[in-house]
Amino acid sequence: MALSNTATPRYYGMFRDAVIRGEIPVCETVSMEMNRIDALIENPGIWYDDQAVEGFIKYCENELTLTDGEDLVLLDSFKLWAEQVFGWYYFVERSVYVPSKDGHGGHYTNKRIKKRLINKQYLIVARGAAKSQYQSYIQNYFLNVDTSTTHQVHTAPTMKQAEEVLSPIRTAITRSKGPLFKFLTEGSINNTTGSKINRVKLSSTKKGIENFLTGSLLEIRPMTIDKLQGLNSRINTVDEWLSGDIREDVIGALEQGASKNEDYLIVAVSSEGTVRNGPGDTVKMELMDILKGEYVNPHVSIWWYRLDSIDEVAEPDKWQKANPNLGKTVSYETYQLDVDRAEKAPSTRNDILAKRFGIPMEGYTYFFTYEETLKHRKRDYWEMTCALGADLSQGDDFCAFTFLFPLNNGSAFGIKARNYITEHTLMKLQPAMRMKYEEFIKEGTLIVMPGTVLNMMEVYDDLDNHIIERNYDVRCFGFDPYNAKDFVERWERENGPFGIEKVIQGAKTESVPLGELKKLAEDRLLFFDEEIMTFTMGNCITLEDTNGNRKLYKKRYDQKIDSVAAMMDAYVAYKLNREAFE
């Protein structure tokens, strides 16, 4: 068939038919990716090349072996994923210089250039799906078949994890199963001056794995910005980008250098993570926008496997939604043992739900789930009644104010935030966190004040102007008494003594309002549209006392929760002054 702009991809077609017949259960995110592929099939400007896909499959199965020496037969899932990378193309018009046949001069002419469509592939798939094998095959192919490749990089949270991708290639070099590998590995590594035919062309070296015939180098690097920035690597694989506590956008760092190359490729593979508010969450939000069609990017392939709800953990026939290779690379028995362990040992529950079933969980008991921290559509609350909550700080924490607008007689609430920090605090931030803060500044929820310590009267003036500009009708004011004396005294002088409520911090006083706010969040009745609320809600963990009362905490110093604390203060004040809203 070769090149076609109407054909259904072979392996995707087989997969889709099995899904339609009910043989393969799929989650919502995989279903959305199938819709995107169907759109590619219908697009006359996008072409499918079955020969390129089959070339990759034949290379793997003819040249490579499994680590135990058995013949390699690519998994159906690997063929499906690889088909996305190798199967889709488009054409661009480009002015190309053509030398004259007589060797004198030349001329420019327009030519149609074939380009690979996909330059980034994201795989979010459960532990035990043989993800590292897939990455190894991708790297192996480009190292030895694609002669235009020069620099290849694989990165993972630890060097030990990264080595899992190089190890099968080293095994293949040792075994030299197929004719290409035998050609590449025959000869002497010490022969550097004689005929190239008598030299080793492919070898494991101190640098990584080198193909001396093509000049390509595959190396592993730690998953840190300083080790990945500035590279000019054409082929890149990233392992467990959701699983490590990585506070930097390593995929973005790799892409900065890779995008300088024609037909670059980044394959980012991971199981679901247990870290919140990192770059991984930001990437997942972008991927979801692409899947929903809110952001069109045909150059990205997304295979996001997961259970659609936690209830499906009790349904083994649904587990394949999270791991398409269940029963092949990992047994149902292993999964069942993990389910039993999660019941008997609650400390393992979050990790098992995330890694085995693709359900976003956290290493700590986070108060709000990932879904509960997703923003709502943009809303305005001009001239509306509200409760104001304050969590005041003059140091490195946010000096936080949250406006709570009762909706539908208090069955739901609109939320707006306003926070303050000093220039000194902003300048001390690490680059990744500073970028996050600058996002808040841009949306108008974080105000930077001069100096090293906040002047609370200047904060008061700015907040007062903000309230006047929007004509908010503040009916009550709840505050944490810490550092609040001067601010509250001025508020009372200018607004009167009514509706001012001191909210003592502690498990005994926080537990009930926190529980009620949690229920509202679960029902998606806290209507916030600002990124700073997503950030602070995602940072909240809870600790319980011996009586089961909960108190808000943060896991790390840089994970601010101040806007949530202020929201709780506003909610307490509202409940104590409901008559003021009638």
Protein backbone atom coordinates (compact mmCIF):
# COMPACT_ATOMS: atom_id res chain seq x y z
CA MET A 1 0.00 0.00 0.00
CA ALA A 2 2.84 2.38 0.90
CA LEU A 3 1.59 5.98 1.16
CA SER A 4 -2.14 6.77 1.41
CA ASN A 5 -4.26 9.67 2.66
CA THR A 6 -7.42 7.55 2.95
CA ALA A 7 -6.29 4.25 4.49
CA THR A 8 -7.06 3.16 8.04
CA PRO A 9 -3.81 2.30 9.86
CA ARG A 10 -3.46 -1.46 10.12
CA TYR A 11 -2.81 -1.85 13.84
CA TYR A 12 -5.12 0.94 14.90
CA GLY A 13 -7.84 -0.58 12.72
CA MET A 14 -7.43 -3.96 14.43
CA PHE A 15 -7.51 -2.28 17.84
CA ARG A 16 -10.60 -0.21 17.00
CA ASP A 17 -12.48 -3.25 15.71
CA ALA A 18 -11.68 -5.15 18.95
CA VAL A 19 -12.94 -2.20 21.00
CA ILE A 20 -16.17 -2.03 18.99
CA ARG A 21 -16.70 -5.77 19.48
CA GLY A 22 -16.30 -5.27 23.24
CA GLU A 23 -13.15 -7.40 23.43
CA ILE A 24 -10.95 -4.59 24.75
CA PRO A 25 -12.25 -2.17 27.42
CA VAL A 26 -11.00 1.40 27.02
CA CYS A 27 -11.11 4.40 29.32
CA GLU A 28 -12.41 7.84 28.38
CA THR A 29 -8.97 9.29 27.59
CA VAL A 30 -8.08 6.43 25.20
CA SER A 31 -11.49 6.82 23.57
CA MET A 32 -10.74 10.51 23.00
CA GLU A 33 -7.39 9.63 21.39
CA MET A 34 -9.23 7.22 19.09
CA ASN A 35 -11.44 10.12 17.99
CA ARG A 36 -8.29 12.12 17.18
CA ILE A 37 -6.90 9.26 15.08
CA ASP A 38 -10.22 8.91 13.24
CA ALA A 39 -9.94 12.62 12.42
CA LEU A 40 -6.43 12.05 11.00
CA ILE A 41 -7.78 9.28 8.76
CA GLU A 42 -10.42 11.66 7.39
CA ASN A 43 -7.93 14.50 6.85
CA PRO A 44 -6.75 14.49 3.19
CA GLY A 45 -3.62 16.43 4.13
CA ILE A 46 -2.35 13.66 6.45
CA TRP A 47 -0.81 10.50 4.97
CA TYR A 48 -0.30 7.00 6.33
CA ASP A 49 2.76 4.92 5.40
CA ASP A 50 2.45 1.25 6.33
CA GLN A 51 5.97 0.48 5.05
CA ALA A 52 7.59 2.70 7.67
CA VAL A 53 5.67 0.97 10.46
CA GLU A 54 6.43 -2.50 9.15
CA GLY A 55 10.10 -1.57 8.80
CA PHE A 56 10.29 -0.80 12.52
CA ILE A 57 8.45 -4.02 13.46
CA LYS A 58 10.62 -6.23 11.21
CA TYR A 59 13.81 -4.65 12.53
CA CYS A 60 12.82 -5.36 16.14
CA GLU A 61 11.62 -8.92 15.54
CA ASN A 62 14.47 -9.93 13.20
CA GLU A 63 17.39 -8.27 14.97
CA LEU A 64 16.54 -8.26 18.68
CA THR A 65 15.79 -10.84 21.35
CA LEU A 66 14.19 -10.77 24.76
CA THR A 67 16.59 -10.54 27.70
CA ASP A 68 16.27 -14.30 28.26
CA GLY A 69 17.32 -15.01 24.68
CA GLU A 70 13.83 -15.88 23.42
CA ASP A 71 12.63 -14.60 20.07
CA LEU A 72 11.03 -11.17 20.22
CA VAL A 73 7.45 -10.69 19.06
CA LEU A 74 6.30 -7.11 19.55
CA LEU A 75 3.27 -6.66 21.75
CA ASP A 76 0.11 -5.40 20.04
CA SER A 77 0.26 -2.27 22.20
CA PHE A 78 3.83 -1.56 21.04
CA LYS A 79 2.72 -1.85 17.40
CA LEU A 80 -0.20 0.49 18.10
CA TRP A 81 2.01 3.11 19.76
CA ALA A 82 4.81 2.80 17.20
CA GLU A 83 2.31 3.14 14.35
CA GLN A 84 1.51 6.61 15.66
CA VAL A 85 5.20 7.56 15.56
CA PHE A 86 6.21 5.96 12.28
CA GLY A 87 2.96 5.81 10.34
CA TRP A 88 1.77 9.39 9.94
CA TYR A 89 3.23 12.00 7.57
CA TYR A 90 2.47 15.32 5.94
CA PHE A 91 4.07 17.35 3.15
CA VAL A 92 5.45 20.87 3.11
CA GLU A 93 6.57 23.04 0.21
CA ARG A 94 10.18 24.08 0.59
CA SER A 95 12.70 25.94 -1.57
CA VAL A 96 15.65 23.61 -2.20
CA TYR A 97 18.99 24.39 -3.86
CA VAL A 98 19.73 21.98 -6.73
CA PRO A 99 23.34 21.93 -8.10
CA SER A 100 23.78 21.84 -11.87
CA LYS A 101 24.72 18.50 -13.44
CA ASP A 102 27.95 19.95 -14.85
CA GLY A 103 29.06 21.01 -11.37
CA HIS A 104 28.87 24.72 -12.14
CA GLY A 105 26.37 26.67 -10.09
CA GLY A 106 22.80 25.61 -9.50
CA HIS A 107 19.31 26.91 -8.86
CA TYR A 108 16.52 26.94 -6.28
CA THR A 109 13.35 24.99 -6.87
CA ASN A 110 10.23 24.23 -4.83
CA LYS A 111 9.92 20.64 -3.65
CA ARG A 112 7.39 18.74 -1.58
CA ILE A 113 9.15 17.47 1.52
CA LYS A 114 7.76 14.49 3.45
CA LYS A 115 7.80 15.04 7.22
CA ARG A 116 6.88 12.76 10.10
CA LEU A 117 3.72 14.08 11.77
CA ILE A 118 4.37 13.07 15.38
CA ASN A 119 7.25 14.71 17.26
CA LYS A 120 5.99 13.98 20.79
CA GLN A 121 4.35 10.88 22.19
CA TYR A 122 3.01 10.68 25.73
CA LEU A 123 2.29 7.28 27.26
CA ILE A 124 0.69 7.17 30.70
CA VAL A 125 0.30 3.50 31.46
CA ALA A 126 0.34 1.27 34.52
CA ARG A 127 3.36 -0.33 36.11
CA GLY A 128 4.16 -3.71 34.56
CA ALA A 129 3.28 -2.72 30.97
CA ALA A 130 6.91 -3.12 29.79
CA LYS A 131 7.29 0.61 29.15
CA SER A 132 11.08 0.53 29.29
CA GLN A 133 11.19 -2.16 26.59
CA TYR A 134 9.20 0.05 24.24
CA GLN A 135 11.58 2.96 24.81
CA SER A 136 14.57 0.68 24.27
CA TYR A 137 13.21 -0.50 20.89
CA ILE A 138 12.59 3.08 19.77
CA GLN A 139 16.12 4.15 20.72
CA ASN A 140 17.63 1.00 19.18
CA TYR A 141 15.92 1.59 15.83
CA PHE A 142 17.04 5.19 15.46
CA LEU A 143 20.55 4.34 16.62
CA ASN A 144 21.09 1.70 13.95
CA VAL A 145 18.63 2.25 11.08
CA ASP A 146 18.00 5.99 10.77
CA THR A 147 21.35 7.28 9.53
CA SER A 148 20.36 10.93 10.06
CA THR A 149 20.30 10.47 13.82
CA THR A 150 23.36 11.72 15.71
CA HIS A 151 22.60 12.40 19.39
CA GLN A 152 20.07 10.40 21.40
CA VAL A 153 19.22 10.85 25.08
CA HIS A 154 17.30 8.81 27.62
CA THR A 155 16.51 10.24 31.03
CA ALA A 156 14.82 8.93 34.17
CA PRO A 157 14.53 9.98 37.84
CA THR A 158 17.51 7.75 38.70
CA MET A 159 20.44 6.49 36.66
CA LYS A 160 19.50 2.94 37.65
CA GLN A 161 16.07 3.42 36.04
CA ALA A 162 17.66 4.98 32.97
CA GLU A 163 20.02 2.03 32.56
CA GLU A 164 16.97 -0.25 32.01
CA VAL A 165 16.66 1.18 28.49
CA LEU A 166 20.31 0.70 27.58
CA SER A 167 20.62 -2.81 29.04
CA PRO A 168 18.55 -4.60 26.31
CA ILE A 169 20.61 -2.88 23.63
CA ARG A 170 23.84 -4.08 25.24
CA THR A 171 22.33 -7.58 25.33
CA ALA A 172 21.48 -7.31 21.62
CA ILE A 173 25.08 -6.31 20.87
CA THR A 174 26.35 -9.38 22.72
CA ARG A 175 23.97 -11.80 21.01
CA SER A 176 24.03 -10.28 17.51
CA LYS A 177 20.98 -12.22 16.40
CA GLY A 178 20.17 -10.56 13.06
CA PRO A 179 22.30 -9.79 9.98
CA LEU A 180 22.49 -6.05 10.69
CA PHE A 181 23.67 -6.54 14.25
CA LYS A 182 26.20 -9.16 13.14
CA PHE A 183 27.58 -6.68 10.60
CA LEU A 184 27.70 -3.84 13.15
CA THR A 185 29.42 -5.89 15.84
CA GLU A 186 31.92 -7.89 13.81
CA GLY A 187 35.50 -6.79 13.73
CA SER A 188 37.82 -5.43 16.39
CA ILE A 189 37.20 -2.45 18.67
CA ASN A 190 40.95 -1.91 18.77
CA ASN A 191 41.22 -1.56 15.00
CA THR A 192 40.97 2.17 14.37
CA THR A 193 43.31 2.59 11.44
CA GLY A 194 42.57 -0.23 9.03
CA SER A 195 39.59 -0.87 6.82
CA LYS A 196 36.28 0.21 8.34
CA ILE A 197 34.84 -3.16 7.42
CA ASN A 198 37.19 -4.75 9.95
CA ARG A 199 36.23 -2.42 12.77
CA VAL A 200 33.42 -2.73 15.30
CA LYS A 201 30.67 -0.36 14.17
CA LEU A 202 28.43 -0.61 17.25
CA SER A 203 29.75 -0.78 20.77
CA SER A 204 28.98 -0.02 24.40
CA THR A 205 31.43 2.65 25.59
CA LYS A 206 31.93 4.93 28.57
CA LYS A 207 29.80 7.56 26.82
CA GLY A 208 26.86 5.19 26.27
CA ILE A 209 26.22 3.17 23.12
CA GLU A 210 27.92 4.41 19.97
CA ASN A 211 27.34 3.61 16.32
CA PHE A 212 30.63 4.56 14.68
CA LEU A 213 29.20 3.94 11.22
CA THR A 214 26.49 6.60 11.54
CA GLY A 215 28.18 8.75 14.17
CA SER A 216 25.24 8.31 16.55
CA LEU A 217 25.51 8.29 20.33
CA LEU A 218 22.84 7.08 22.76
CA GLU A 219 23.51 8.23 26.32
CA ILE A 220 21.61 8.32 29.60
CA ARG A 221 21.34 11.47 31.70
CA PRO A 222 19.88 12.34 35.09
CA MET A 223 16.44 13.95 35.11
CA THR A 224 17.56 17.47 36.01
CA ILE A 225 17.33 20.69 34.02
CA ASP A 226 21.06 21.46 34.23
CA LYS A 227 21.90 18.06 32.68
CA LEU A 228 19.32 18.32 29.88
CA GLN A 229 19.33 21.96 28.80
CA GLY A 230 21.43 22.97 25.82
CA LEU A 231 21.44 19.51 24.23
CA ASN A 232 20.92 19.07 20.50
CA SER A 233 19.52 15.55 20.77
CA ARG A 234 17.20 14.47 17.96
CA ILE A 235 15.71 11.34 19.60
CA ASN A 236 14.76 11.48 23.27
CA THR A 237 12.99 9.15 25.67
CA VAL A 238 11.83 10.21 29.12
CA ASP A 239 10.94 7.63 31.76
CA GLU A 240 8.64 8.11 34.76
CA TRP A 241 8.20 11.85 34.28
CA LEU A 242 5.15 11.72 36.58
CA SER A 243 6.59 9.52 39.26
CA GLY A 244 9.59 11.34 40.64
CA ASP A 245 9.34 14.50 42.75
CA ILE A 246 10.59 16.56 39.86
CA ARG A 247 9.98 20.30 40.20
CA GLU A 248 11.31 21.12 36.72
CA ASP A 249 9.91 20.71 33.23
CA VAL A 250 12.42 18.18 31.87
CA ILE A 251 10.36 17.48 28.73
CA GLY A 252 10.32 21.18 27.92
CA ALA A 253 14.08 21.40 28.49
CA LEU A 254 14.72 18.53 26.07
CA GLU A 255 12.37 19.98 23.47
CA GLN A 256 14.21 23.32 23.43
CA GLY A 257 17.27 21.59 21.98
CA ALA A 258 15.54 18.80 20.06
CA SER A 259 13.29 21.18 18.10
CA LYS A 260 16.37 22.51 16.29
CA ASN A 261 16.49 19.16 14.44
CA GLU A 262 14.38 18.02 11.52
CA ASP A 263 11.79 15.38 12.55
CA TYR A 264 12.83 15.30 16.19
CA LEU A 265 11.09 12.90 18.55
CA ILE A 266 10.37 12.84 22.28
CA VAL A 267 8.71 9.75 23.76
CA ALA A 268 7.66 10.47 27.35
CA VAL A 269 6.51 7.37 29.23
CA SER A 270 5.31 7.08 32.81
CA SER A 271 2.94 5.45 35.20
CA GLU A 272 0.61 7.81 37.06
CA GLY A 273 2.33 9.85 39.74
CA THR A 274 1.95 10.62 43.42
CA VAL A 275 3.32 14.18 43.23
CA ARG A 276 1.06 17.22 43.02
CA ASN A 277 1.49 20.67 41.49
CA GLY A 278 4.64 19.74 39.61
CA PRO A 279 5.27 20.18 35.89
CA GLY A 280 3.62 16.77 35.38
CA ASP A 281 0.22 18.13 36.41
CA THR A 282 0.68 21.06 34.03
CA VAL A 283 1.49 18.70 31.16
CA LYS A 284 -1.52 16.50 31.98
CA MET A 285 -3.81 19.53 31.84
CA GLU A 286 -2.41 20.41 28.41
CA LEU A 287 -2.85 16.82 27.21
CA MET A 288 -6.45 16.80 28.40
CA ASP A 289 -7.11 20.04 26.47
CA ILE A 290 -5.70 18.36 23.33
CA LEU A 291 -7.81 15.24 23.85
CA LYS A 292 -10.95 17.33 24.34
CA GLY A 293 -10.23 19.29 21.16
CA GLU A 294 -9.87 22.58 23.03
CA TYR A 295 -6.28 22.81 21.81
CA VAL A 296 -5.49 21.36 18.37
CA ASN A 297 -2.02 19.81 18.07
CA PRO A 298 -1.77 16.96 15.53
CA HIS A 299 1.95 16.54 16.27
CA VAL A 300 1.28 14.95 19.67
CA SER A 301 0.29 11.32 20.28
CA ILE A 302 -1.41 10.60 23.62
CA TRP A 303 -2.11 7.15 25.02
CA TRP A 304 -3.41 7.75 28.53
CA TYR A 305 -4.53 4.51 30.18
CA ARG A 306 -6.44 4.54 33.48
CA LEU A 307 -9.57 3.38 35.23
CA ASP A 308 -12.44 5.82 34.85
CA SER A 309 -13.33 5.60 38.53
CA ILE A 310 -11.99 4.11 41.73
CA ASP A 311 -15.04 1.80 41.83
CA GLU A 312 -13.59 -0.13 38.86
CA VAL A 313 -10.75 -1.40 41.07
CA ALA A 314 -13.26 -4.02 42.24
CA GLU A 315 -13.96 -5.11 38.61
CA PRO A 316 -11.08 -7.18 37.14
CA ASP A 317 -12.66 -7.09 33.68
CA LYS A 318 -12.01 -3.31 33.68
CA TRP A 319 -8.33 -3.48 34.70
CA GLN A 320 -7.15 -3.61 31.10
CA LYS A 321 -8.23 0.03 30.83
CA ALA A 322 -5.15 0.88 32.92
CA ASN A 323 -2.76 -1.72 31.51
CA PRO A 324 -3.27 -2.90 27.90
CA ASN A 325 -0.62 -5.60 28.45
CA LEU A 326 -2.32 -7.17 31.45
CA GLY A 327 -2.08 -10.95 31.16
CA LYS A 328 0.99 -10.62 28.91
CA THR A 329 3.69 -8.69 30.79
CA VAL A 330 2.04 -8.87 34.21
CA SER A 331 -0.52 -11.33 35.56
CA TYR A 332 -4.02 -10.75 36.86
CA GLU A 333 -2.87 -12.57 40.00
CA THR A 334 -0.22 -9.91 40.64
CA TYR A 335 -2.86 -7.22 40.30
CA GLN A 336 -5.22 -9.02 42.68
CA LEU A 337 -2.45 -9.41 45.25
CA ASP A 338 -1.84 -5.66 45.09
CA VAL A 339 -5.57 -4.96 45.54
CA ASP A 340 -5.58 -7.20 48.61
CA ARG A 341 -2.45 -5.50 49.95
CA ALA A 342 -4.01 -2.05 49.52
CA GLU A 343 -6.93 -3.20 51.68
CA LYS A 344 -4.74 -4.67 54.41
CA ALA A 345 -2.01 -2.01 54.40
CA PRO A 346 -3.53 1.46 53.85
CA SER A 347 -0.06 3.01 53.61
CA THR A 348 0.39 1.28 50.24
CA ARG A 349 -3.02 2.25 48.88
CA ASN A 350 -2.15 5.51 47.15
CA ASP A 351 0.88 4.07 45.39
CA ILE A 352 -1.03 0.99 44.16
CA LEU A 353 -4.01 2.99 42.91
CA ALA A 354 -1.70 5.34 41.01
CA LYS A 355 0.84 2.85 39.64
CA ARG A 356 -1.43 -0.11 38.90
CA PHE A 357 -4.68 1.61 37.97
CA GLY A 358 -3.72 5.08 36.73
CA ILE A 359 -5.82 6.87 39.35
CA PRO A 360 -4.10 10.15 40.31
CA MET A 361 -3.13 9.81 43.95
CA GLU A 362 -0.59 11.35 46.26
CA GLY A 363 2.15 10.07 48.50
CA TYR A 364 0.48 11.89 51.38
CA THR A 365 -3.18 12.10 52.25
CA TYR A 366 -4.02 15.17 50.22
CA PHE A 367 -7.23 16.86 51.18
CA PHE A 368 -8.50 17.67 47.69
CA THR A 369 -8.31 15.19 44.84
CA TYR A 370 -6.77 16.12 41.51
CA GLU A 371 -10.21 16.47 39.90
CA GLU A 372 -11.41 18.77 42.70
CA THR A 373 -8.55 21.20 42.02
CA LEU A 374 -9.39 21.71 38.32
CA LYS A 375 -10.52 25.23 37.51
CA HIS A 376 -14.07 26.12 36.51
CA ARG A 377 -15.07 28.43 33.67
CA LYS A 378 -14.40 32.14 34.09
CA ARG A 379 -16.93 33.93 36.30
CA ASP A 380 -17.30 37.46 37.66
CA TYR A 381 -18.99 38.49 40.89
CA TRP A 382 -19.36 42.25 40.46
CA GLU A 383 -21.44 43.99 43.14
CA MET A 384 -22.24 40.70 44.88
CA THR A 385 -22.38 39.99 48.60
CA CYS A 386 -19.50 37.98 50.01
CA ALA A 387 -17.57 36.83 53.06
CA LEU A 388 -13.89 37.75 53.27
CA GLY A 389 -11.26 35.48 54.82
CA ALA A 390 -7.70 36.45 55.74
CA ASP A 391 -4.55 34.48 56.49
CA LEU A 392 -1.94 37.15 57.11
CA SER A 393 1.82 36.82 56.73
CA GLN A 394 4.64 39.30 56.51
CA GLY A 395 7.27 36.71 55.61
CA ASP A 396 7.68 34.26 52.71
CA ASP A 397 4.15 32.84 52.86
CA PHE A 398 1.30 34.44 50.95
CA CYS A 399 -0.58 37.16 52.77
CA ALA A 400 -3.84 35.69 51.57
CA PHE A 401 -7.39 37.00 51.17
CA THR A 402 -10.20 34.90 49.77
CA PHE A 403 -13.65 36.20 48.81
CA LEU A 404 -16.51 33.71 49.22
CA PHE A 405 -19.72 34.51 47.32
CA PRO A 406 -22.79 32.51 48.46
CA LEU A 407 -24.78 31.16 45.50
CA ASN A 408 -28.17 29.45 45.52
CA ASN A 409 -28.79 30.30 49.18
CA GLY A 410 -25.42 28.99 50.29
CA SER A 411 -25.53 25.62 48.52
CA ALA A 412 -22.60 26.70 46.33
CA PHE A 413 -19.92 29.39 46.47
CA GLY A 414 -18.01 31.53 44.04
CA ILE A 415 -14.36 32.13 44.96
CA LYS A 416 -11.88 34.90 44.17
CA ALA A 417 -8.41 35.25 45.66
CA ARG A 418 -5.96 38.08 46.24
CA ASN A 419 -2.51 37.43 47.71
CA TYR A 420 0.57 39.51 48.54
CA ILE A 421 4.31 38.86 48.72
CA THR A 422 7.41 41.08 48.75
CA GLU A 423 9.90 41.65 45.95
CA HIS A 424 12.50 40.04 48.22
CA THR A 425 10.47 36.81 48.43
CA LEU A 426 10.01 36.71 44.66
CA MET A 427 13.73 37.17 43.99
CA LYS A 428 14.68 34.25 46.32
CA LEU A 429 12.57 31.70 44.42
CA GLN A 430 14.04 28.84 42.40
CA PRO A 431 13.49 29.31 38.62
CA ALA A 432 10.74 26.67 38.30
CA MET A 433 8.72 28.07 41.23
CA ARG A 434 9.29 31.64 40.08
CA MET A 435 7.65 30.77 36.77
CA LYS A 436 4.64 29.48 38.71
CA TYR A 437 4.48 32.71 40.76
CA GLU A 438 4.73 34.83 37.62
CA GLU A 439 1.66 32.98 36.32
CA PHE A 440 -0.24 34.11 39.44
CA ILE A 441 1.03 37.67 38.99
CA LYS A 442 -0.17 37.68 35.39
CA GLU A 443 -3.68 36.52 36.35
CA GLY A 444 -3.84 39.25 39.03
CA THR A 445 -4.14 36.98 42.07
CA LEU A 446 -0.63 37.67 43.42
CA ILE A 447 0.52 41.23 44.10
CA VAL A 448 4.21 41.97 44.61
CA MET A 449 4.92 44.74 47.14
CA PRO A 450 8.27 46.55 47.55
CA GLY A 451 10.78 45.74 50.27
CA THR A 452 11.65 42.69 52.34
CA VAL A 453 8.69 42.76 54.78
CA LEU A 454 5.07 43.47 53.91
CA ASN A 455 3.67 46.76 55.13
CA MET A 456 0.20 45.65 56.26
CA MET A 457 -1.28 49.12 55.88
CA GLU A 458 -0.15 49.22 52.25
CA VAL A 459 -1.71 45.77 51.80
CA TYR A 460 -4.90 47.12 53.41
CA ASP A 461 -5.00 50.07 51.00
CA ASP A 462 -4.55 47.86 47.94
CA LEU A 463 -7.18 45.36 49.09
CA ASP A 464 -9.61 48.16 49.91
CA ASN A 465 -9.17 49.65 46.42
CA HIS A 466 -9.67 46.19 44.92
CA ILE A 467 -12.99 45.79 46.82
CA ILE A 468 -14.14 49.30 45.78
CA GLU A 469 -13.22 48.74 42.11
CA ARG A 470 -15.37 45.59 41.98
CA ASN A 471 -18.00 46.96 44.34
CA TYR A 472 -17.91 43.78 46.42
CA ASP A 473 -20.39 43.89 49.31
CA VAL A 474 -18.38 42.33 52.17
CA ARG A 475 -20.85 41.29 54.87
CA CYS A 476 -18.44 39.51 57.25
CA PHE A 477 -14.72 39.05 57.82
CA GLY A 478 -13.01 35.92 59.21
CA PHE A 479 -9.33 35.97 60.16
CA ASP A 480 -6.54 33.92 61.70
CA PRO A 481 -5.40 36.10 64.64
CA TYR A 482 -1.69 35.51 63.99
CA ASN A 483 -0.11 38.81 62.83
CA ALA A 484 -3.57 40.33 62.33
CA LYS A 485 -3.95 42.90 65.16
CA ASP A 486 -3.27 46.16 63.27
CA PHE A 487 -5.08 45.04 60.13
CA VAL A 488 -8.23 43.96 62.01
CA GLU A 489 -8.30 47.11 64.14
CA ARG A 490 -8.27 49.28 61.02
CA TRP A 491 -10.93 47.09 59.39
CA GLU A 492 -13.15 47.56 62.46
CA ARG A 493 -12.62 51.35 62.48
CA GLU A 494 -13.52 51.72 58.81
CA ASN A 495 -16.22 49.05 58.43
CA GLY A 496 -17.76 48.70 61.89
CA PRO A 497 -17.54 45.87 64.45
CA PHE A 498 -20.21 43.60 62.96
CA GLY A 499 -19.40 40.29 61.30
CA ILE A 500 -15.75 40.20 62.38
CA GLU A 501 -14.85 36.66 63.45
CA LYS A 502 -11.63 35.34 64.95
CA VAL A 503 -10.97 31.83 63.56
CA ILE A 504 -8.63 29.96 65.91
CA GLN A 505 -6.40 27.52 64.04
CA GLY A 506 -6.38 23.91 65.22
CA ALA A 507 -7.82 20.48 64.52
CA LYS A 508 -10.78 21.02 66.87
CA THR A 509 -11.96 24.20 65.13
CA GLU A 510 -10.92 23.36 61.55
CA SER A 511 -12.32 19.86 61.22
CA VAL A 512 -16.03 20.68 60.68
CA PRO A 513 -15.64 23.55 58.19
CA LEU A 514 -12.96 21.57 56.33
CA GLY A 515 -15.32 18.61 56.02
CA GLU A 516 -18.09 20.83 54.64
CA LEU A 517 -15.75 22.52 52.16
CA LYS A 518 -14.50 19.09 51.09
CA LYS A 519 -18.07 17.99 50.32
CA LEU A 520 -18.63 21.14 48.26
CA ALA A 521 -15.39 20.46 46.35
CA GLU A 522 -16.41 16.85 45.68
CA ASP A 523 -19.70 18.08 44.20
CA ARG A 524 -17.82 20.75 42.19
CA LEU A 525 -19.72 23.53 43.98
CA LEU A 526 -16.68 25.68 44.80
CA PHE A 527 -16.53 27.81 41.65
CA PHE A 528 -12.97 29.08 41.33
CA ASP A 529 -11.37 30.09 38.03
CA GLU A 530 -7.90 31.14 39.19
CA GLU A 531 -4.72 29.10 38.96
CA ILE A 532 -3.63 30.14 42.44
CA MET A 533 -6.59 28.26 43.93
CA THR A 534 -5.69 25.15 41.94
CA PHE A 535 -2.14 25.47 43.27
CA THR A 536 -3.00 26.00 46.94
CA MET A 537 -5.81 23.42 47.01
CA GLY A 538 -3.46 20.88 45.45
CA ASN A 539 -0.91 21.50 48.24
CA CYS A 540 -3.26 20.83 51.15
CA ILE A 541 -2.68 17.73 53.24
CA THR A 542 -4.51 16.91 56.44
CA LEU A 543 -3.38 15.42 59.70
CA GLU A 544 -5.76 13.90 62.23
CA ASP A 545 -5.61 14.03 66.01
CA THR A 546 -6.58 11.14 68.28
CA ASN A 547 -10.24 12.19 68.08
CA GLY A 548 -10.31 12.13 64.28
CA ASN A 549 -10.29 15.92 63.93
CA ARG A 550 -8.45 17.20 60.85
CA LYS A 551 -6.12 20.17 60.44
CA LEU A 552 -4.66 21.65 57.27
CA TYR A 553 -0.92 21.29 56.64
CA LYS A 554 1.43 21.57 53.73
CA LYS A 555 3.88 18.85 52.74
CA ARG A 556 6.77 21.21 52.00
CA TYR A 557 7.61 24.81 52.74
CA ASP A 558 7.24 25.92 49.10
CA GLN A 559 3.80 24.31 48.76
CA LYS A 560 1.62 27.23 49.87
CA ILE A 561 -1.90 26.65 51.23
CA ASP A 562 -2.67 30.19 52.39
CA SER A 563 -5.56 30.88 49.98
CA VAL A 564 -7.31 27.72 51.22
CA ALA A 565 -6.77 28.74 54.85
CA ALA A 566 -8.30 32.13 54.02
CA MET A 567 -11.20 30.39 52.28
CA MET A 568 -11.87 28.38 55.42
CA ASP A 569 -11.80 31.58 57.52
CA ALA A 570 -14.30 33.19 55.15
CA TYR A 571 -16.54 30.11 55.33
CA VAL A 572 -16.55 30.10 59.14
CA ALA A 573 -17.44 33.81 59.17
CA TYR A 574 -20.23 33.20 56.65
CA LYS A 575 -21.77 30.41 58.74
CA LEU A 576 -21.71 32.61 61.86
CA ASN A 577 -23.34 35.50 60.00
CA ARG A 578 -25.80 33.86 57.61
CA GLU A 579 -28.54 36.30 58.60
CA ALA A 580 -26.47 39.10 57.04
CA PHE A 581 -26.91 37.45 53.63
CA GLU A 582 -30.69 37.00 53.81
